[in-house]
Amino acid sequence: MDITQLLQPGSARARVEARSHKAVLNFASKVIAEACPEVAERSLLQGLLTRERLGSTGLGEGVAIPHCRHPDCPAPVGALITLAEGIDFGAVDGEPVDVLFCLVVPEQQNRTHLDVLAMLTRIFSEADNLANLRQAATDAELFDTICWQMDEVQQW
């Protein structure tokens, strides 16, 4: 999958100020609703919070992939966010999270959902990739970095 099918340039946000788990999910919901107007921001936030209640999407190493399926979502859509300071996300290693990829997929696209999660996990499992994402100072730089990383992962 081409990252630009999943993530628009305006949906990559670098060094966002967020004080809590809920605040960053609220921010991500706004970003995704701007990119995908079919999905209501409030409904999306509820979907993400409901998924988080099932178990944290914090993977460890400062990374989280909050995600949900949504009935109004016509195609997979995401938001990549780096935070100015890490926040508690209930990650498996207890470390604060500062890199998030929020993912929303149509309800019936189970396979796509799993494929995108696997791809993101491969990207985020590389220490160099995380370092490059964290170093991105602007939204455009963050978007360019994830696009390059996606291309590299797809060549594996």
N, C-alpha and C. Protein backbone atom coordinates (compact mmCIF):
# COMPACT_ATOMS: atom_id res chain seq x y z
N MET A 1 0.84 -1.18 0.00
CA MET A 1 0.00 0.00 0.00
C MET A 1 0.89 1.24 0.00
N ASP A 2 0.56 2.18 -0.82
CA ASP A 2 1.25 3.46 -0.89
C ASP A 2 0.81 4.31 0.31
N ILE A 3 1.76 4.84 1.05
CA ILE A 3 1.43 5.63 2.24
C ILE A 3 0.52 6.79 1.91
N THR A 4 0.63 7.35 0.72
CA THR A 4 -0.20 8.51 0.38
C THR A 4 -1.67 8.13 0.17
N GLN A 5 -1.96 6.83 0.06
CA GLN A 5 -3.35 6.38 0.06
C GLN A 5 -3.92 6.39 1.47
N LEU A 6 -3.05 6.32 2.43
CA LEU A 6 -3.42 6.20 3.84
C LEU A 6 -3.25 7.51 4.60
N LEU A 7 -2.25 8.28 4.22
CA LEU A 7 -1.87 9.47 4.97
C LEU A 7 -1.70 10.65 4.02
N GLN A 8 -2.46 11.69 4.24
CA GLN A 8 -2.31 12.90 3.43
C GLN A 8 -1.22 13.78 4.05
N PRO A 9 -0.58 14.63 3.24
CA PRO A 9 0.47 15.49 3.79
C PRO A 9 0.00 16.30 5.01
N GLY A 10 -1.22 16.76 5.01
CA GLY A 10 -1.73 17.54 6.15
C GLY A 10 -2.06 16.71 7.38
N SER A 11 -1.93 15.39 7.25
CA SER A 11 -2.25 14.51 8.38
C SER A 11 -1.01 14.04 9.13
N ALA A 12 0.13 14.59 8.79
CA ALA A 12 1.37 14.34 9.54
C ALA A 12 1.63 15.59 10.37
N ARG A 13 1.71 15.43 11.67
CA ARG A 13 1.87 16.59 12.55
C ARG A 13 3.05 16.35 13.50
N ALA A 14 4.01 17.23 13.42
CA ALA A 14 5.25 17.10 14.19
C ALA A 14 5.21 17.94 15.47
N ARG A 15 5.72 17.33 16.52
CA ARG A 15 5.97 18.00 17.80
C ARG A 15 4.73 18.68 18.39
N VAL A 16 3.66 17.93 18.41
CA VAL A 16 2.38 18.41 18.95
C VAL A 16 2.45 18.45 20.47
N GLU A 17 1.83 19.47 21.04
CA GLU A 17 1.71 19.58 22.49
C GLU A 17 0.43 18.86 22.91
N ALA A 18 0.56 17.82 23.72
CA ALA A 18 -0.59 17.10 24.26
C ALA A 18 -0.24 16.66 25.67
N ARG A 19 -1.17 16.83 26.56
CA ARG A 19 -0.89 16.53 27.97
C ARG A 19 -1.42 15.18 28.44
N SER A 20 -2.26 14.55 27.62
CA SER A 20 -2.85 13.28 28.07
C SER A 20 -3.17 12.38 26.89
N HIS A 21 -3.41 11.15 27.23
CA HIS A 21 -3.82 10.11 26.29
C HIS A 21 -5.07 10.58 25.53
N LYS A 22 -6.08 11.02 26.27
CA LYS A 22 -7.33 11.45 25.64
C LYS A 22 -7.12 12.69 24.77
N ALA A 23 -6.28 13.60 25.21
CA ALA A 23 -6.04 14.82 24.44
C ALA A 23 -5.41 14.51 23.08
N VAL A 24 -4.48 13.58 23.04
CA VAL A 24 -3.84 13.25 21.76
C VAL A 24 -4.81 12.49 20.86
N LEU A 25 -5.67 11.65 21.43
CA LEU A 25 -6.68 10.97 20.61
C LEU A 25 -7.71 11.97 20.07
N ASN A 26 -8.04 12.96 20.86
CA ASN A 26 -8.94 14.02 20.41
C ASN A 26 -8.30 14.79 19.25
N PHE A 27 -7.03 15.12 19.39
CA PHE A 27 -6.31 15.81 18.33
C PHE A 27 -6.27 14.96 17.06
N ALA A 28 -5.94 13.68 17.21
CA ALA A 28 -5.88 12.78 16.06
C ALA A 28 -7.24 12.66 15.37
N SER A 29 -8.29 12.63 16.15
CA SER A 29 -9.65 12.57 15.59
C SER A 29 -9.94 13.78 14.73
N LYS A 30 -9.51 14.95 15.18
CA LYS A 30 -9.71 16.18 14.41
C LYS A 30 -8.94 16.11 13.09
N VAL A 31 -7.70 15.68 13.16
CA VAL A 31 -6.86 15.60 11.96
C VAL A 31 -7.47 14.62 10.96
N ILE A 32 -7.91 13.48 11.42
CA ILE A 32 -8.48 12.48 10.52
C ILE A 32 -9.82 12.96 9.95
N ALA A 33 -10.64 13.61 10.77
CA ALA A 33 -11.92 14.12 10.28
C ALA A 33 -11.72 15.19 9.20
N GLU A 34 -10.65 15.96 9.30
CA GLU A 34 -10.34 16.93 8.25
C GLU A 34 -9.99 16.22 6.94
N ALA A 35 -9.27 15.12 7.04
CA ALA A 35 -8.84 14.37 5.85
C ALA A 35 -9.97 13.50 5.29
N CYS A 36 -10.89 13.12 6.14
CA CYS A 36 -11.97 12.20 5.76
C CYS A 36 -13.28 12.73 6.34
N PRO A 37 -13.90 13.70 5.68
CA PRO A 37 -15.09 14.35 6.23
C PRO A 37 -16.29 13.42 6.42
N GLU A 38 -16.27 12.24 5.82
CA GLU A 38 -17.37 11.28 6.02
C GLU A 38 -17.43 10.77 7.46
N VAL A 39 -16.31 10.85 8.16
CA VAL A 39 -16.22 10.35 9.53
C VAL A 39 -16.32 11.52 10.50
N ALA A 40 -17.35 11.51 11.32
CA ALA A 40 -17.55 12.57 12.30
C ALA A 40 -16.49 12.48 13.40
N GLU A 41 -15.92 13.62 13.71
CA GLU A 41 -14.83 13.68 14.69
C GLU A 41 -15.23 13.05 16.03
N ARG A 42 -16.39 13.40 16.53
CA ARG A 42 -16.84 12.89 17.84
C ARG A 42 -17.01 11.37 17.82
N SER A 43 -17.60 10.88 16.73
CA SER A 43 -17.81 9.44 16.59
C SER A 43 -16.48 8.70 16.50
N LEU A 44 -15.54 9.30 15.80
CA LEU A 44 -14.21 8.70 15.68
C LEU A 44 -13.51 8.64 17.03
N LEU A 45 -13.58 9.73 17.78
CA LEU A 45 -12.97 9.75 19.11
C LEU A 45 -13.57 8.64 19.97
N GLN A 46 -14.88 8.48 19.91
CA GLN A 46 -15.53 7.42 20.69
C GLN A 46 -15.01 6.04 20.27
N GLY A 47 -14.86 5.83 18.96
CA GLY A 47 -14.34 4.55 18.47
C GLY A 47 -12.93 4.27 18.96
N LEU A 48 -12.09 5.29 18.94
CA LEU A 48 -10.72 5.14 19.42
C LEU A 48 -10.67 4.87 20.92
N LEU A 49 -11.48 5.60 21.68
CA LEU A 49 -11.51 5.39 23.13
C LEU A 49 -12.05 4.01 23.48
N THR A 50 -13.06 3.57 22.75
CA THR A 50 -13.61 2.23 22.98
C THR A 50 -12.54 1.18 22.72
N ARG A 51 -11.78 1.33 21.64
CA ARG A 51 -10.71 0.37 21.34
C ARG A 51 -9.63 0.40 22.42
N GLU A 52 -9.29 1.58 22.92
CA GLU A 52 -8.27 1.68 23.96
C GLU A 52 -8.71 1.01 25.25
N ARG A 53 -10.02 1.00 25.53
CA ARG A 53 -10.51 0.33 26.74
C ARG A 53 -10.29 -1.18 26.67
N LEU A 54 -10.19 -1.72 25.46
CA LEU A 54 -9.92 -3.16 25.31
C LEU A 54 -8.48 -3.50 25.65
N GLY A 55 -7.62 -2.53 25.57
CA GLY A 55 -6.20 -2.72 25.84
C GLY A 55 -5.42 -1.62 25.16
N SER A 56 -4.36 -1.20 25.79
CA SER A 56 -3.56 -0.11 25.23
C SER A 56 -2.98 -0.48 23.87
N THR A 57 -2.93 0.52 23.00
CA THR A 57 -2.29 0.34 21.69
C THR A 57 -0.85 0.84 21.73
N GLY A 58 -0.34 1.10 22.94
CA GLY A 58 1.06 1.47 23.11
C GLY A 58 1.94 0.25 22.93
N LEU A 59 2.79 0.26 21.91
CA LEU A 59 3.61 -0.90 21.57
C LEU A 59 4.88 -1.01 22.40
N GLY A 60 5.33 0.11 22.94
CA GLY A 60 6.63 0.16 23.60
C GLY A 60 7.57 1.00 22.77
N GLU A 61 8.74 1.31 23.35
CA GLU A 61 9.74 2.14 22.67
C GLU A 61 9.20 3.52 22.30
N GLY A 62 8.17 3.98 23.03
CA GLY A 62 7.62 5.31 22.78
C GLY A 62 6.64 5.39 21.62
N VAL A 63 6.12 4.24 21.18
CA VAL A 63 5.24 4.18 20.01
C VAL A 63 3.86 3.65 20.38
N ALA A 64 2.84 4.24 19.76
CA ALA A 64 1.47 3.72 19.88
C ALA A 64 0.80 3.77 18.51
N ILE A 65 -0.08 2.81 18.29
CA ILE A 65 -0.88 2.80 17.06
C ILE A 65 -2.35 2.68 17.46
N PRO A 66 -2.93 3.78 17.92
CA PRO A 66 -4.37 3.74 18.21
C PRO A 66 -5.13 3.51 16.91
N HIS A 67 -6.11 2.64 16.96
CA HIS A 67 -6.82 2.28 15.74
C HIS A 67 -8.23 1.81 16.05
N CYS A 68 -9.08 1.90 15.03
CA CYS A 68 -10.43 1.38 15.14
C CYS A 68 -11.02 1.19 13.76
N ARG A 69 -12.10 0.46 13.71
CA ARG A 69 -12.90 0.34 12.50
C ARG A 69 -14.08 1.29 12.66
N HIS A 70 -14.53 1.87 11.55
CA HIS A 70 -15.61 2.85 11.63
C HIS A 70 -16.58 2.64 10.47
N PRO A 71 -17.88 2.63 10.74
CA PRO A 71 -18.86 2.36 9.69
C PRO A 71 -18.92 3.42 8.58
N ASP A 72 -18.54 4.64 8.89
CA ASP A 72 -18.62 5.72 7.90
C ASP A 72 -17.32 5.95 7.13
N CYS A 73 -16.30 5.19 7.46
CA CYS A 73 -14.99 5.36 6.83
C CYS A 73 -14.99 4.65 5.47
N PRO A 74 -14.78 5.39 4.37
CA PRO A 74 -14.83 4.77 3.04
C PRO A 74 -13.53 4.06 2.64
N ALA A 75 -12.42 4.43 3.23
CA ALA A 75 -11.12 3.85 2.91
C ALA A 75 -10.19 4.07 4.10
N PRO A 76 -9.18 3.23 4.26
CA PRO A 76 -8.25 3.43 5.38
C PRO A 76 -7.66 4.84 5.37
N VAL A 77 -7.57 5.42 6.55
CA VAL A 77 -7.04 6.77 6.69
C VAL A 77 -6.27 6.85 8.01
N GLY A 78 -5.23 7.68 8.03
CA GLY A 78 -4.43 7.77 9.23
C GLY A 78 -3.92 9.16 9.51
N ALA A 79 -3.35 9.29 10.70
CA ALA A 79 -2.67 10.52 11.12
C ALA A 79 -1.39 10.10 11.84
N LEU A 80 -0.28 10.67 11.42
CA LEU A 80 1.01 10.43 12.07
C LEU A 80 1.31 11.64 12.93
N ILE A 81 1.57 11.39 14.21
CA ILE A 81 1.78 12.48 15.15
C ILE A 81 3.02 12.19 15.99
N THR A 82 3.91 13.17 16.06
CA THR A 82 4.97 13.10 17.06
C THR A 82 4.65 14.15 18.11
N LEU A 83 5.00 13.86 19.34
CA LEU A 83 4.69 14.75 20.45
C LEU A 83 5.94 15.47 20.94
N ALA A 84 5.74 16.69 21.39
CA ALA A 84 6.85 17.47 21.94
C ALA A 84 7.41 16.79 23.18
N GLU A 85 6.53 16.17 23.95
CA GLU A 85 6.92 15.42 25.15
C GLU A 85 6.08 14.17 25.22
N GLY A 86 6.69 13.07 25.66
CA GLY A 86 5.96 11.81 25.76
C GLY A 86 4.86 11.87 26.81
N ILE A 87 3.83 11.07 26.57
CA ILE A 87 2.70 10.97 27.51
C ILE A 87 2.48 9.51 27.89
N ASP A 88 1.84 9.31 29.03
CA ASP A 88 1.50 7.96 29.46
C ASP A 88 0.39 7.43 28.56
N PHE A 89 0.64 6.29 27.96
CA PHE A 89 -0.33 5.69 27.05
C PHE A 89 -0.63 4.25 27.48
N GLY A 90 -0.15 3.88 28.66
CA GLY A 90 -0.35 2.51 29.12
C GLY A 90 0.40 1.50 28.27
N ALA A 91 1.54 1.92 27.72
CA ALA A 91 2.32 1.04 26.84
C ALA A 91 2.84 -0.17 27.61
N VAL A 92 3.10 -1.24 26.89
CA VAL A 92 3.52 -2.49 27.51
C VAL A 92 4.82 -2.35 28.30
N ASP A 93 5.70 -1.44 27.89
CA ASP A 93 6.96 -1.26 28.60
C ASP A 93 6.91 -0.13 29.63
N GLY A 94 5.74 0.51 29.76
CA GLY A 94 5.58 1.58 30.74
C GLY A 94 6.21 2.90 30.34
N GLU A 95 6.86 2.95 29.18
CA GLU A 95 7.51 4.17 28.72
C GLU A 95 6.50 5.15 28.12
N PRO A 96 6.76 6.45 28.25
CA PRO A 96 5.86 7.43 27.62
C PRO A 96 5.92 7.34 26.11
N VAL A 97 4.80 7.65 25.48
CA VAL A 97 4.67 7.58 24.02
C VAL A 97 4.86 8.96 23.41
N ASP A 98 5.65 9.03 22.34
CA ASP A 98 5.84 10.30 21.63
C ASP A 98 5.72 10.16 20.11
N VAL A 99 5.47 8.94 19.63
CA VAL A 99 5.22 8.70 18.20
C VAL A 99 3.94 7.89 18.09
N LEU A 100 2.96 8.45 17.37
CA LEU A 100 1.67 7.77 17.21
C LEU A 100 1.25 7.75 15.76
N PHE A 101 0.71 6.65 15.35
CA PHE A 101 0.03 6.58 14.06
C PHE A 101 -1.38 6.14 14.37
N CYS A 102 -2.32 7.05 14.19
CA CYS A 102 -3.72 6.76 14.44
C CYS A 102 -4.34 6.26 13.13
N LEU A 103 -4.97 5.11 13.17
CA LEU A 103 -5.48 4.44 11.98
C LEU A 103 -6.97 4.18 12.11
N VAL A 104 -7.71 4.49 11.04
CA VAL A 104 -9.14 4.19 10.97
C VAL A 104 -9.39 3.48 9.66
N VAL A 105 -10.11 2.35 9.74
CA VAL A 105 -10.42 1.59 8.53
C VAL A 105 -11.91 1.30 8.47
N PRO A 106 -12.43 1.05 7.27
CA PRO A 106 -13.83 0.67 7.15
C PRO A 106 -14.11 -0.61 7.94
N GLU A 107 -15.31 -0.73 8.43
CA GLU A 107 -15.67 -1.87 9.29
C GLU A 107 -15.38 -3.23 8.66
N GLN A 108 -15.63 -3.38 7.38
CA GLN A 108 -15.53 -4.68 6.75
C GLN A 108 -14.14 -5.01 6.21
N GLN A 109 -13.17 -4.12 6.35
CA GLN A 109 -11.84 -4.36 5.78
C GLN A 109 -10.88 -4.93 6.81
N ASN A 110 -11.21 -6.11 7.32
CA ASN A 110 -10.39 -6.75 8.35
C ASN A 110 -8.96 -7.02 7.86
N ARG A 111 -8.83 -7.57 6.67
CA ARG A 111 -7.50 -7.92 6.16
C ARG A 111 -6.64 -6.67 5.95
N THR A 112 -7.25 -5.63 5.38
CA THR A 112 -6.52 -4.37 5.18
C THR A 112 -6.06 -3.82 6.52
N HIS A 113 -6.94 -3.86 7.50
CA HIS A 113 -6.63 -3.38 8.84
C HIS A 113 -5.38 -4.08 9.38
N LEU A 114 -5.38 -5.39 9.29
CA LEU A 114 -4.24 -6.16 9.80
C LEU A 114 -2.97 -5.92 8.98
N ASP A 115 -3.11 -5.80 7.67
CA ASP A 115 -1.94 -5.54 6.82
C ASP A 115 -1.30 -4.19 7.13
N VAL A 116 -2.12 -3.17 7.33
CA VAL A 116 -1.58 -1.84 7.64
C VAL A 116 -0.92 -1.84 9.01
N LEU A 117 -1.55 -2.49 9.99
CA LEU A 117 -0.94 -2.58 11.32
C LEU A 117 0.41 -3.29 11.25
N ALA A 118 0.49 -4.35 10.47
CA ALA A 118 1.76 -5.08 10.32
C ALA A 118 2.83 -4.20 9.68
N MET A 119 2.45 -3.47 8.65
CA MET A 119 3.40 -2.59 7.97
C MET A 119 3.92 -1.51 8.93
N LEU A 120 3.01 -0.90 9.68
CA LEU A 120 3.41 0.14 10.63
C LEU A 120 4.32 -0.44 11.72
N THR A 121 4.00 -1.63 12.17
CA THR A 121 4.83 -2.28 13.18
C THR A 121 6.24 -2.51 12.66
N ARG A 122 6.36 -2.92 11.38
CA ARG A 122 7.70 -3.11 10.79
C ARG A 122 8.47 -1.78 10.76
N ILE A 123 7.80 -0.73 10.35
CA ILE A 123 8.46 0.59 10.31
C ILE A 123 8.93 0.98 11.71
N PHE A 124 8.04 0.86 12.68
CA PHE A 124 8.33 1.34 14.03
C PHE A 124 9.26 0.41 14.81
N SER A 125 9.51 -0.77 14.29
CA SER A 125 10.42 -1.69 14.99
C SER A 125 11.88 -1.35 14.74
N GLU A 126 12.14 -0.49 13.78
CA GLU A 126 13.51 -0.09 13.46
C GLU A 126 13.90 1.18 14.23
N ALA A 127 14.93 1.09 15.05
CA ALA A 127 15.36 2.22 15.87
C ALA A 127 15.70 3.44 15.03
N ASP A 128 16.34 3.22 13.88
CA ASP A 128 16.70 4.35 13.01
C ASP A 128 15.45 5.06 12.49
N ASN A 129 14.42 4.30 12.15
CA ASN A 129 13.18 4.91 11.68
C ASN A 129 12.57 5.79 12.77
N LEU A 130 12.53 5.28 13.98
CA LEU A 130 11.97 6.08 15.09
C LEU A 130 12.79 7.34 15.32
N ALA A 131 14.10 7.20 15.28
CA ALA A 131 14.96 8.37 15.48
C ALA A 131 14.70 9.42 14.41
N ASN A 132 14.56 8.99 13.17
CA ASN A 132 14.30 9.94 12.08
C ASN A 132 12.94 10.61 12.23
N LEU A 133 11.94 9.87 12.64
CA LEU A 133 10.61 10.47 12.86
C LEU A 133 10.68 11.49 13.99
N ARG A 134 11.38 11.15 15.04
CA ARG A 134 11.48 12.06 16.19
C ARG A 134 12.28 13.32 15.86
N GLN A 135 13.18 13.23 14.91
CA GLN A 135 13.99 14.38 14.52
C GLN A 135 13.26 15.32 13.58
N ALA A 136 12.19 14.87 12.96
CA ALA A 136 11.45 15.72 12.02
C ALA A 136 10.92 16.95 12.75
N ALA A 137 11.32 18.11 12.28
CA ALA A 137 10.96 19.36 12.96
C ALA A 137 9.67 19.98 12.43
N THR A 138 9.28 19.61 11.21
CA THR A 138 8.09 20.19 10.61
C THR A 138 7.14 19.09 10.15
N ASP A 139 5.89 19.47 9.92
CA ASP A 139 4.91 18.51 9.42
C ASP A 139 5.36 17.93 8.08
N ALA A 140 5.86 18.78 7.19
CA ALA A 140 6.30 18.32 5.87
C ALA A 140 7.47 17.35 5.99
N GLU A 141 8.40 17.64 6.86
CA GLU A 141 9.55 16.76 7.07
C GLU A 141 9.09 15.41 7.63
N LEU A 142 8.13 15.43 8.53
CA LEU A 142 7.59 14.20 9.10
C LEU A 142 6.91 13.37 8.01
N PHE A 143 6.13 14.02 7.17
CA PHE A 143 5.46 13.32 6.07
C PHE A 143 6.47 12.71 5.11
N ASP A 144 7.47 13.47 4.72
CA ASP A 144 8.50 12.96 3.81
C ASP A 144 9.24 11.78 4.42
N THR A 145 9.50 11.84 5.71
CA THR A 145 10.23 10.77 6.39
C THR A 145 9.42 9.47 6.38
N ILE A 146 8.14 9.55 6.72
CA ILE A 146 7.33 8.33 6.74
C ILE A 146 7.14 7.78 5.32
N CYS A 147 7.04 8.65 4.33
CA CYS A 147 6.92 8.17 2.94
C CYS A 147 8.16 7.39 2.54
N TRP A 148 9.33 7.91 2.87
CA TRP A 148 10.59 7.22 2.55
C TRP A 148 10.64 5.87 3.29
N GLN A 149 10.25 5.86 4.56
CA GLN A 149 10.28 4.63 5.35
C GLN A 149 9.32 3.59 4.78
N MET A 150 8.16 4.04 4.35
CA MET A 150 7.18 3.13 3.76
C MET A 150 7.75 2.49 2.49
N ASP A 151 8.38 3.28 1.67
CA ASP A 151 9.00 2.75 0.45
C ASP A 151 10.04 1.69 0.79
N GLU A 152 10.84 1.95 1.81
CA GLU A 152 11.88 0.99 2.22
C GLU A 152 11.25 -0.30 2.71
N VAL A 153 10.22 -0.21 3.52
CA VAL A 153 9.57 -1.41 4.07
C VAL A 153 8.96 -2.25 2.95
N GLN A 154 8.39 -1.61 1.97
CA GLN A 154 7.75 -2.35 0.88
C GLN A 154 8.76 -3.05 -0.01
N GLN A 155 10.02 -2.64 0.06
CA GLN A 155 11.06 -3.30 -0.73
C GLN A 155 11.63 -4.52 -0.03
N TRP A 156 11.31 -4.72 1.25
CA TRP A 156 11.83 -5.87 2.00
C TRP A 156 11.26 -7.15 1.48
